[in-house]
Amino acid sequence: MKGKRFVVLAGEQRLVWDADPARVEDEDSRSRRKASV
């Protein structure tokens, strides 16, 4: 789960797809954590 990207591998039936990834901003490099790199 980084910026506008994520992958769901189990329990996808709970997801409500109510956000448009195209409207989500990419992460600012200043707020990235170790796991983003």
PDB file of all heavy atoms in Angstrom:
ATOM      1  N   MET A   1       0.859  -1.196   0.000  1.00  0.00           N
ATOM      2  CA  MET A   1       0.000   0.000   0.000  1.00  0.00           C
ATOM      3  C   MET A   1       0.887   1.235   0.000  1.00  0.00           C
ATOM      4  O   MET A   1       1.350   1.692   1.045  1.00  0.00           O
ATOM      5  CB  MET A   1      -0.894  -0.031   1.244  1.00  0.00           C
ATOM      6  CG  MET A   1      -1.833   1.158   1.366  1.00  0.00           C
ATOM      7  SD  MET A   1      -3.227   1.033   0.258  1.00  0.00           S
ATOM      8  CE  MET A   1      -3.756   2.737   0.200  1.00  0.00           C
ATOM      9  N   LYS A   2       1.150   1.757  -1.191  1.00  0.00           N
ATOM     10  CA  LYS A   2       2.033   2.906  -1.343  1.00  0.00           C
ATOM     11  C   LYS A   2       1.440   3.866  -2.359  1.00  0.00           C
ATOM     12  O   LYS A   2       1.203   3.484  -3.499  1.00  0.00           O
ATOM     13  CB  LYS A   2       3.416   2.463  -1.805  1.00  0.00           C
ATOM     14  CG  LYS A   2       4.046   1.401  -0.923  1.00  0.00           C
ATOM     15  CD  LYS A   2       5.248   0.781  -1.595  1.00  0.00           C
ATOM     16  CE  LYS A   2       5.722  -0.427  -0.796  1.00  0.00           C
ATOM     17  NZ  LYS A   2       6.822  -1.136  -1.473  1.00  0.00           N
ATOM     18  N   GLY A   3       1.185   5.092  -1.904  1.00  0.00           N
ATOM     19  CA  GLY A   3       0.583   6.057  -2.810  1.00  0.00           C
ATOM     20  C   GLY A   3      -0.773   5.593  -3.278  1.00  0.00           C
ATOM     21  O   GLY A   3      -1.660   5.295  -2.482  1.00  0.00           O
ATOM     22  N   LYS A   4      -0.963   5.456  -4.573  1.00  0.00           N
ATOM     23  CA  LYS A   4      -2.251   5.036  -5.125  1.00  0.00           C
ATOM     24  C   LYS A   4      -2.324   3.529  -5.362  1.00  0.00           C
ATOM     25  O   LYS A   4      -3.345   3.011  -5.811  1.00  0.00           O
ATOM     26  CB  LYS A   4      -2.519   5.775  -6.429  1.00  0.00           C
ATOM     27  CG  LYS A   4      -1.525   5.491  -7.545  1.00  0.00           C
ATOM     28  CD  LYS A   4      -1.850   6.302  -8.801  1.00  0.00           C
ATOM     29  CE  LYS A   4      -1.668   7.783  -8.562  1.00  0.00           C
ATOM     30  NZ  LYS A   4      -2.009   8.581  -9.751  1.00  0.00           N
ATOM     31  N   ARG A   5      -1.254   2.794  -5.056  1.00  0.00           N
ATOM     32  CA  ARG A   5      -1.189   1.366  -5.367  1.00  0.00           C
ATOM     33  C   ARG A   5      -1.410   0.505  -4.131  1.00  0.00           C
ATOM     34  O   ARG A   5      -1.017   0.864  -3.034  1.00  0.00           O
ATOM     35  CB  ARG A   5       0.179   1.027  -5.975  1.00  0.00           C
ATOM     36  CG  ARG A   5       0.464   1.724  -7.278  1.00  0.00           C
ATOM     37  CD  ARG A   5       1.840   1.334  -7.811  1.00  0.00           C
ATOM     38  NE  ARG A   5       2.913   1.823  -6.943  1.00  0.00           N
ATOM     39  CZ  ARG A   5       3.818   1.055  -6.385  1.00  0.00           C
ATOM     40  NH1 ARG A   5       3.796  -0.261  -6.563  1.00  0.00           N
ATOM     41  NH2 ARG A   5       4.785   1.559  -5.622  1.00  0.00           N
ATOM     42  N   PHE A   6      -2.039  -0.637  -4.321  1.00  0.00           N
ATOM     43  CA  PHE A   6      -2.087  -1.690  -3.308  1.00  0.00           C
ATOM     44  C   PHE A   6      -2.459  -2.996  -3.991  1.00  0.00           C
ATOM     45  O   PHE A   6      -2.923  -3.017  -5.136  1.00  0.00           O
ATOM     46  CB  PHE A   6      -3.070  -1.360  -2.173  1.00  0.00           C
ATOM     47  CG  PHE A   6      -4.525  -1.308  -2.557  1.00  0.00           C
ATOM     48  CD1 PHE A   6      -5.282  -2.465  -2.681  1.00  0.00           C
ATOM     49  CD2 PHE A   6      -5.152  -0.088  -2.769  1.00  0.00           C
ATOM     50  CE1 PHE A   6      -6.626  -2.427  -3.026  1.00  0.00           C
ATOM     51  CE2 PHE A   6      -6.496  -0.029  -3.116  1.00  0.00           C
ATOM     52  CZ  PHE A   6      -7.231  -1.194  -3.239  1.00  0.00           C
ATOM     53  N   VAL A   7      -2.256  -4.107  -3.288  1.00  0.00           N
ATOM     54  CA  VAL A   7      -2.632  -5.432  -3.786  1.00  0.00           C
ATOM     55  C   VAL A   7      -3.408  -6.136  -2.683  1.00  0.00           C
ATOM     56  O   VAL A   7      -2.964  -6.161  -1.526  1.00  0.00           O
ATOM     57  CB  VAL A   7      -1.384  -6.269  -4.161  1.00  0.00           C
ATOM     58  CG1 VAL A   7      -1.800  -7.662  -4.617  1.00  0.00           C
ATOM     59  CG2 VAL A   7      -0.576  -5.577  -5.245  1.00  0.00           C
ATOM     60  N   VAL A   8      -4.562  -6.716  -3.016  1.00  0.00           N
ATOM     61  CA  VAL A   8      -5.327  -7.498  -2.047  1.00  0.00           C
ATOM     62  C   VAL A   8      -5.263  -8.962  -2.464  1.00  0.00           C
ATOM     63  O   VAL A   8      -5.563  -9.302  -3.611  1.00  0.00           O
ATOM     64  CB  VAL A   8      -6.792  -6.998  -1.943  1.00  0.00           C
ATOM     65  CG1 VAL A   8      -7.484  -6.960  -3.281  1.00  0.00           C
ATOM     66  CG2 VAL A   8      -7.582  -7.846  -0.933  1.00  0.00           C
ATOM     67  N   LEU A   9      -4.853  -9.837  -1.543  1.00  0.00           N
ATOM     68  CA  LEU A   9      -4.668 -11.256  -1.857  1.00  0.00           C
ATOM     69  C   LEU A   9      -5.611 -12.167  -1.088  1.00  0.00           C
ATOM     70  O   LEU A   9      -5.594 -13.377  -1.293  1.00  0.00           O
ATOM     71  CB  LEU A   9      -3.219 -11.674  -1.582  1.00  0.00           C
ATOM     72  CG  LEU A   9      -2.146 -11.044  -2.474  1.00  0.00           C
ATOM     73  CD1 LEU A   9      -0.775 -11.648  -2.166  1.00  0.00           C
ATOM     74  CD2 LEU A   9      -2.464 -11.230  -3.951  1.00  0.00           C
ATOM     75  N   ALA A  10      -6.422 -11.604  -0.201  1.00  0.00           N
ATOM     76  CA  ALA A  10      -7.395 -12.414   0.534  1.00  0.00           C
ATOM     77  C   ALA A  10      -8.501 -11.501   1.035  1.00  0.00           C
ATOM     78  O   ALA A  10      -8.278 -10.315   1.304  1.00  0.00           O
ATOM     79  CB  ALA A  10      -6.734 -13.135   1.709  1.00  0.00           C
ATOM     80  N   GLY A  11      -9.712 -12.057   1.160  1.00  0.00           N
ATOM     81  CA  GLY A  11     -10.830 -11.307   1.726  1.00  0.00           C
ATOM     82  C   GLY A  11     -11.276 -10.111   0.906  1.00  0.00           C
ATOM     83  O   GLY A  11     -11.804  -9.139   1.454  1.00  0.00           O
ATOM     84  N   GLU A  12     -11.122 -10.181  -0.409  1.00  0.00           N
ATOM     85  CA  GLU A  12     -11.467  -9.045  -1.270  1.00  0.00           C
ATOM     86  C   GLU A  12     -12.951  -8.715  -1.260  1.00  0.00           C
ATOM     87  O   GLU A  12     -13.363  -7.624  -1.651  1.00  0.00           O
ATOM     88  CB  GLU A  12     -10.996  -9.293  -2.703  1.00  0.00           C
ATOM     89  CG  GLU A  12     -11.581 -10.531  -3.373  1.00  0.00           C
ATOM     90  CD  GLU A  12     -10.802 -11.803  -3.060  1.00  0.00           C
ATOM     91  OE1 GLU A  12      -9.879 -11.769  -2.233  1.00  0.00           O
ATOM     92  OE2 GLU A  12     -11.162 -12.852  -3.642  1.00  0.00           O
ATOM     93  N   GLN A  13     -13.780  -9.653  -0.775  1.00  0.00           N
ATOM     94  CA  GLN A  13     -15.229  -9.415  -0.757  1.00  0.00           C
ATOM     95  C   GLN A  13     -15.604  -8.266   0.183  1.00  0.00           C
ATOM     96  O   GLN A  13     -16.699  -7.699   0.053  1.00  0.00           O
ATOM     97  CB  GLN A  13     -15.982 -10.687  -0.345  1.00  0.00           C
ATOM     98  CG  GLN A  13     -15.853 -11.087   1.119  1.00  0.00           C
ATOM     99  CD  GLN A  13     -14.593 -11.851   1.435  1.00  0.00           C
ATOM    100  OE1 GLN A  13     -13.753 -12.085   0.558  1.00  0.00           O
ATOM    101  NE2 GLN A  13     -14.436 -12.264   2.683  1.00  0.00           N
ATOM    102  N   ARG A  14     -14.746  -7.897   1.113  1.00  0.00           N
ATOM    103  CA  ARG A  14     -15.065  -6.797   2.030  1.00  0.00           C
ATOM    104  C   ARG A  14     -14.830  -5.425   1.395  1.00  0.00           C
ATOM    105  O   ARG A  14     -15.304  -4.415   1.910  1.00  0.00           O
ATOM    106  CB  ARG A  14     -14.222  -6.884   3.301  1.00  0.00           C
ATOM    107  CG  ARG A  14     -14.605  -7.993   4.255  1.00  0.00           C
ATOM    108  CD  ARG A  14     -13.910  -7.816   5.604  1.00  0.00           C
ATOM    109  NE  ARG A  14     -14.216  -8.915   6.503  1.00  0.00           N
ATOM    110  CZ  ARG A  14     -13.545 -10.049   6.542  1.00  0.00           C
ATOM    111  NH1 ARG A  14     -12.512 -10.218   5.722  1.00  0.00           N
ATOM    112  NH2 ARG A  14     -13.876 -11.008   7.387  1.00  0.00           N
ATOM    113  N   LEU A  15     -14.063  -5.381   0.299  1.00  0.00           N
ATOM    114  CA  LEU A  15     -13.669  -4.097  -0.257  1.00  0.00           C
ATOM    115  C   LEU A  15     -14.842  -3.380  -0.938  1.00  0.00           C
ATOM    116  O   LEU A  15     -15.614  -3.980  -1.686  1.00  0.00           O
ATOM    117  CB  LEU A  15     -12.538  -4.258  -1.261  1.00  0.00           C
ATOM    118  CG  LEU A  15     -11.152  -4.550  -0.693  1.00  0.00           C
ATOM    119  CD1 LEU A  15     -10.117  -4.543  -1.807  1.00  0.00           C
ATOM    120  CD2 LEU A  15     -10.779  -3.550   0.379  1.00  0.00           C
ATOM    121  N   VAL A  16     -14.954  -2.092  -0.660  1.00  0.00           N
ATOM    122  CA  VAL A  16     -15.882  -1.192  -1.350  1.00  0.00           C
ATOM    123  C   VAL A  16     -15.007  -0.239  -2.162  1.00  0.00           C
ATOM    124  O   VAL A  16     -14.271   0.575  -1.603  1.00  0.00           O
ATOM    125  CB  VAL A  16     -16.761  -0.404  -0.360  1.00  0.00           C
ATOM    126  CG1 VAL A  16     -17.653   0.575  -1.111  1.00  0.00           C
ATOM    127  CG2 VAL A  16     -17.592  -1.357   0.489  1.00  0.00           C
ATOM    128  N   TRP A  17     -15.081  -0.350  -3.471  1.00  0.00           N
ATOM    129  CA  TRP A  17     -14.178   0.399  -4.352  1.00  0.00           C
ATOM    130  C   TRP A  17     -14.753   1.792  -4.606  1.00  0.00           C
ATOM    131  O   TRP A  17     -15.309   2.074  -5.655  1.00  0.00           O
ATOM    132  CB  TRP A  17     -13.974  -0.364  -5.652  1.00  0.00           C
ATOM    133  CG  TRP A  17     -13.469  -1.758  -5.443  1.00  0.00           C
ATOM    134  CD1 TRP A  17     -14.207  -2.872  -5.141  1.00  0.00           C
ATOM    135  CD2 TRP A  17     -12.105  -2.184  -5.466  1.00  0.00           C
ATOM    136  NE1 TRP A  17     -13.391  -3.966  -4.981  1.00  0.00           N
ATOM    137  CE2 TRP A  17     -12.093  -3.580  -5.185  1.00  0.00           C
ATOM    138  CE3 TRP A  17     -10.887  -1.535  -5.716  1.00  0.00           C
ATOM    139  CZ2 TRP A  17     -10.915  -4.325  -5.142  1.00  0.00           C
ATOM    140  CZ3 TRP A  17      -9.725  -2.280  -5.667  1.00  0.00           C
ATOM    141  CH2 TRP A  17      -9.737  -3.647  -5.386  1.00  0.00           C
ATOM    142  N   ASP A  18     -14.597   2.673  -3.635  1.00  0.00           N
ATOM    143  CA  ASP A  18     -15.236   3.992  -3.720  1.00  0.00           C
ATOM    144  C   ASP A  18     -14.233   5.124  -3.922  1.00  0.00           C
ATOM    145  O   ASP A  18     -14.558   6.298  -3.713  1.00  0.00           O
ATOM    146  CB  ASP A  18     -16.058   4.264  -2.450  1.00  0.00           C
ATOM    147  CG  ASP A  18     -15.242   4.200  -1.172  1.00  0.00           C
ATOM    148  OD1 ASP A  18     -14.087   3.734  -1.228  1.00  0.00           O
ATOM    149  OD2 ASP A  18     -15.762   4.612  -0.122  1.00  0.00           O
ATOM    150  N   ALA A  19     -13.014   4.797  -4.311  1.00  0.00           N
ATOM    151  CA  ALA A  19     -12.015   5.834  -4.585  1.00  0.00           C
ATOM    152  C   ALA A  19     -11.436   5.616  -5.975  1.00  0.00           C
ATOM    153  O   ALA A  19     -11.192   4.476  -6.389  1.00  0.00           O
ATOM    154  CB  ALA A  19     -10.902   5.805  -3.545  1.00  0.00           C
ATOM    155  N   ASP A  20     -11.225   6.701  -6.703  1.00  0.00           N
ATOM    156  CA  ASP A  20     -10.624   6.646  -8.034  1.00  0.00           C
ATOM    157  C   ASP A  20      -9.110   6.817  -7.886  1.00  0.00           C
ATOM    158  O   ASP A  20      -8.645   7.908  -7.523  1.00  0.00           O
ATOM    159  CB  ASP A  20     -11.194   7.759  -8.903  1.00  0.00           C
ATOM    160  CG  ASP A  20     -10.622   7.745 -10.311  1.00  0.00           C
ATOM    161  OD1 ASP A  20      -9.781   6.876 -10.609  1.00  0.00           O
ATOM    162  OD2 ASP A  20     -11.005   8.614 -11.120  1.00  0.00           O
ATOM    163  N   PRO A  21      -8.323   5.765  -8.147  1.00  0.00           N
ATOM    164  CA  PRO A  21      -6.870   5.891  -7.989  1.00  0.00           C
ATOM    165  C   PRO A  21      -6.273   7.034  -8.802  1.00  0.00           C
ATOM    166  O   PRO A  21      -5.242   7.596  -8.408  1.00  0.00           O
ATOM    167  CB  PRO A  21      -6.347   4.533  -8.482  1.00  0.00           C
ATOM    168  CG  PRO A  21      -7.494   3.598  -8.282  1.00  0.00           C
ATOM    169  CD  PRO A  21      -8.724   4.406  -8.555  1.00  0.00           C
ATOM    170  N   ALA A  22      -6.908   7.362  -9.916  1.00  0.00           N
ATOM    171  CA  ALA A  22      -6.380   8.448 -10.748  1.00  0.00           C
ATOM    172  C   ALA A  22      -6.419   9.790 -10.028  1.00  0.00           C
ATOM    173  O   ALA A  22      -5.681  10.718 -10.381  1.00  0.00           O
ATOM    174  CB  ALA A  22      -7.169   8.536 -12.057  1.00  0.00           C
ATOM    175  N   ARG A  23      -7.281   9.905  -9.022  1.00  0.00           N
ATOM    176  CA  ARG A  23      -7.401  11.150  -8.273  1.00  0.00           C
ATOM    177  C   ARG A  23      -6.565  11.152  -6.992  1.00  0.00           C
ATOM    178  O   ARG A  23      -6.582  12.121  -6.239  1.00  0.00           O
ATOM    179  CB  ARG A  23      -8.871  11.411  -7.922  1.00  0.00           C
ATOM    180  CG  ARG A  23      -9.758  11.636  -9.139  1.00  0.00           C
ATOM    181  CD  ARG A  23     -11.207  11.888  -8.733  1.00  0.00           C
ATOM    182  NE  ARG A  23     -12.046  12.169  -9.880  1.00  0.00           N
ATOM    183  CZ  ARG A  23     -12.223  13.380 -10.394  1.00  0.00           C
ATOM    184  NH1 ARG A  23     -11.629  14.431  -9.831  1.00  0.00           N
ATOM    185  NH2 ARG A  23     -13.011  13.564 -11.441  1.00  0.00           N
ATOM    186  N   VAL A  24      -5.870  10.043  -6.742  1.00  0.00           N
ATOM    187  CA  VAL A  24      -5.044   9.942  -5.533  1.00  0.00           C
ATOM    188  C   VAL A  24      -3.627  10.392  -5.855  1.00  0.00           C
ATOM    189  O   VAL A  24      -3.035   9.950  -6.847  1.00  0.00           O
ATOM    190  CB  VAL A  24      -5.025   8.495  -5.005  1.00  0.00           C
ATOM    191  CG1 VAL A  24      -4.106   8.376  -3.795  1.00  0.00           C
ATOM    192  CG2 VAL A  24      -6.434   8.046  -4.657  1.00  0.00           C
ATOM    193  N   GLU A  25      -3.089  11.259  -5.023  1.00  0.00           N
ATOM    194  CA  GLU A  25      -1.741  11.761  -5.241  1.00  0.00           C
ATOM    195  C   GLU A  25      -0.705  10.699  -4.885  1.00  0.00           C
ATOM    196  O   GLU A  25      -0.891   9.919  -3.947  1.00  0.00           O
ATOM    197  CB  GLU A  25      -1.485  13.003  -4.376  1.00  0.00           C
ATOM    198  CG  GLU A  25      -2.336  14.203  -4.744  1.00  0.00           C
ATOM    199  CD  GLU A  25      -2.019  15.402  -3.873  1.00  0.00           C
ATOM    200  OE1 GLU A  25      -1.095  15.291  -3.032  1.00  0.00           O
ATOM    201  OE2 GLU A  25      -2.668  16.437  -4.033  1.00  0.00           O
ATOM    202  N   ASP A  26       0.391  10.659  -5.655  1.00  0.00           N
ATOM    203  CA  ASP A  26       1.505   9.794  -5.293  1.00  0.00           C
ATOM    204  C   ASP A  26       2.137  10.305  -4.004  1.00  0.00           C
ATOM    205  O   ASP A  26       2.028  11.486  -3.668  1.00  0.00           O
ATOM    206  CB  ASP A  26       2.550   9.771  -6.406  1.00  0.00           C
ATOM    207  CG  ASP A  26       2.155   8.832  -7.537  1.00  0.00           C
ATOM    208  OD1 ASP A  26       1.585   7.762  -7.229  1.00  0.00           O
ATOM    209  OD2 ASP A  26       2.397   9.160  -8.711  1.00  0.00           O
ATOM    210  N   GLU A  27       2.818   9.422  -3.299  1.00  0.00           N
ATOM    211  CA  GLU A  27       3.455   9.800  -2.046  1.00  0.00           C
ATOM    212  C   GLU A  27       4.526  10.845  -2.257  1.00  0.00           C
ATOM    213  O   GLU A  27       5.318  10.761  -3.193  1.00  0.00           O
ATOM    214  CB  GLU A  27       4.099   8.571  -1.390  1.00  0.00           C
ATOM    215  CG  GLU A  27       3.180   7.836  -0.470  1.00  0.00           C
ATOM    216  CD  GLU A  27       3.935   6.723   0.255  1.00  0.00           C
ATOM    217  OE1 GLU A  27       5.116   6.491  -0.062  1.00  0.00           O
ATOM    218  OE2 GLU A  27       3.317   6.095   1.128  1.00  0.00           O
ATOM    219  N   ASP A  28       4.551  11.821  -1.364  1.00  0.00           N
ATOM    220  CA  ASP A  28       5.648  12.769  -1.308  1.00  0.00           C
ATOM    221  C   ASP A  28       6.869  12.035  -0.752  1.00  0.00           C
ATOM    222  O   ASP A  28       6.768  11.331   0.247  1.00  0.00           O
ATOM    223  CB  ASP A  28       5.268  13.943  -0.393  1.00  0.00           C
ATOM    224  CG  ASP A  28       6.298  15.065  -0.440  1.00  0.00           C
ATOM    225  OD1 ASP A  28       7.495  14.773  -0.233  1.00  0.00           O
ATOM    226  OD2 ASP A  28       5.896  16.222  -0.670  1.00  0.00           O
ATOM    227  N   SER A  29       8.011  12.192  -1.396  1.00  0.00           N
ATOM    228  CA  SER A  29       9.212  11.466  -0.965  1.00  0.00           C
ATOM    229  C   SER A  29       9.594  11.787   0.471  1.00  0.00           C
ATOM    230  O   SER A  29      10.200  10.970   1.161  1.00  0.00           O
ATOM    231  CB  SER A  29      10.390  11.797  -1.894  1.00  0.00           C
ATOM    232  OG  SER A  29      10.663  13.186  -1.862  1.00  0.00           O
ATOM    233  N   ARG A  30       9.219  12.964   0.963  1.00  0.00           N
ATOM    234  CA  ARG A  30       9.566  13.341   2.331  1.00  0.00           C
ATOM    235  C   ARG A  30       8.798  12.540   3.369  1.00  0.00           C
ATOM    236  O   ARG A  30       9.201  12.451   4.526  1.00  0.00           O
ATOM    237  CB  ARG A  30       9.298  14.836   2.540  1.00  0.00           C
ATOM    238  CG  ARG A  30      10.243  15.735   1.777  1.00  0.00           C
ATOM    239  CD  ARG A  30       9.816  17.179   1.899  1.00  0.00           C
ATOM    240  NE  ARG A  30       8.500  17.391   1.312  1.00  0.00           N
ATOM    241  CZ  ARG A  30       7.883  18.579   1.277  1.00  0.00           C
ATOM    242  NH1 ARG A  30       8.452  19.625   1.836  1.00  0.00           N
ATOM    243  NH2 ARG A  30       6.697  18.695   0.723  1.00  0.00           N
ATOM    244  N   SER A  31       7.650  11.944   2.984  1.00  0.00           N
ATOM    245  CA  SER A  31       6.839  11.191   3.945  1.00  0.00           C
ATOM    246  C   SER A  31       6.980   9.686   3.780  1.00  0.00           C
ATOM    247  O   SER A  31       6.315   8.921   4.451  1.00  0.00           O
ATOM    248  CB  SER A  31       5.355  11.576   3.811  1.00  0.00           C
ATOM    249  OG  SER A  31       4.847  11.151   2.569  1.00  0.00           O
ATOM    250  N   ARG A  32       7.868   9.257   2.880  1.00  0.00           N
ATOM    251  CA  ARG A  32       8.037   7.828   2.661  1.00  0.00           C
ATOM    252  C   ARG A  32       8.722   7.176   3.839  1.00  0.00           C
ATOM    253  O   ARG A  32       9.651   7.711   4.422  1.00  0.00           O
ATOM    254  CB  ARG A  32       8.853   7.562   1.399  1.00  0.00           C
ATOM    255  CG  ARG A  32       8.075   7.837   0.122  1.00  0.00           C
ATOM    256  CD  ARG A  32       8.929   7.555  -1.080  1.00  0.00           C
ATOM    257  NE  ARG A  32       8.217   7.924  -2.310  1.00  0.00           N
ATOM    258  CZ  ARG A  32       8.800   8.075  -3.484  1.00  0.00           C
ATOM    259  NH1 ARG A  32      10.107   7.891  -3.597  1.00  0.00           N
ATOM    260  NH2 ARG A  32       8.095   8.402  -4.542  1.00  0.00           N
ATOM    261  N   ARG A  33       8.275   5.981   4.165  1.00  0.00           N
ATOM    262  CA  ARG A  33       8.878   5.211   5.233  1.00  0.00           C
ATOM    263  C   ARG A  33       9.805   4.170   4.633  1.00  0.00           C
ATOM    264  O   ARG A  33       9.845   3.969   3.418  1.00  0.00           O
ATOM    265  CB  ARG A  33       7.796   4.527   6.077  1.00  0.00           C
ATOM    266  CG  ARG A  33       6.842   5.494   6.744  1.00  0.00           C
ATOM    267  CD  ARG A  33       5.828   4.751   7.575  1.00  0.00           C
ATOM    268  NE  ARG A  33       6.463   3.985   8.613  1.00  0.00           N
ATOM    269  CZ  ARG A  33       6.599   4.397   9.875  1.00  0.00           C
ATOM    270  NH1 ARG A  33       6.156   5.575  10.225  1.00  0.00           N
ATOM    271  NH2 ARG A  33       7.192   3.646  10.770  1.00  0.00           N
ATOM    272  N   LYS A  34      10.528   3.492   5.501  1.00  0.00           N
ATOM    273  CA  LYS A  34      11.486   2.484   5.076  1.00  0.00           C
ATOM    274  C   LYS A  34      10.862   1.479   4.111  1.00  0.00           C
ATOM    275  O   LYS A  34      11.457   1.120   3.103  1.00  0.00           O
ATOM    276  CB  LYS A  34      12.036   1.775   6.296  1.00  0.00           C
ATOM    277  CG  LYS A  34      12.903   0.564   6.032  1.00  0.00           C
ATOM    278  CD  LYS A  34      13.299  -0.058   7.359  1.00  0.00           C
ATOM    279  CE  LYS A  34      13.980  -1.378   7.178  1.00  0.00           C
ATOM    280  NZ  LYS A  34      14.283  -2.021   8.456  1.00  0.00           N
ATOM    281  N   ALA A  35       9.670   1.005   4.432  1.00  0.00           N
ATOM    282  CA  ALA A  35       9.053  -0.045   3.629  1.00  0.00           C
ATOM    283  C   ALA A  35       8.637   0.442   2.256  1.00  0.00           C
ATOM    284  O   ALA A  35       8.279  -0.337   1.394  1.00  0.00           O
ATOM    285  CB  ALA A  35       7.848  -0.628   4.356  1.00  0.00           C
ATOM    286  N   SER A  36       8.645   1.768   2.021  1.00  0.00           N
ATOM    287  CA  SER A  36       8.344   2.289   0.695  1.00  0.00           C
ATOM    288  C   SER A  36       9.548   2.169  -0.219  1.00  0.00           C
ATOM    289  O   SER A  36       9.426   2.123  -1.421  1.00  0.00           O
ATOM    290  CB  SER A  36       7.950   3.764   0.787  1.00  0.00           C
ATOM    291  OG  SER A  36       6.770   3.926   1.491  1.00  0.00           O
ATOM    292  N   VAL A  37      10.732   2.141   0.379  1.00  0.00           N
ATOM    293  CA  VAL A  37      11.952   2.078  -0.393  1.00  0.00           C
ATOM    294  C   VAL A  37      12.374   0.631  -0.624  1.00  0.00           C
ATOM    295  O   VAL A  37      12.740   0.219  -1.714  1.00  0.00           O
ATOM    296  CB  VAL A  37      13.081   2.848   0.322  1.00  0.00           C
ATOM    297  CG1 VAL A  37      14.370   2.767  -0.484  1.00  0.00           C
ATOM    298  CG2 VAL A  37      12.664   4.307   0.516  1.00  0.00           C
TER     299      VAL A  37
END
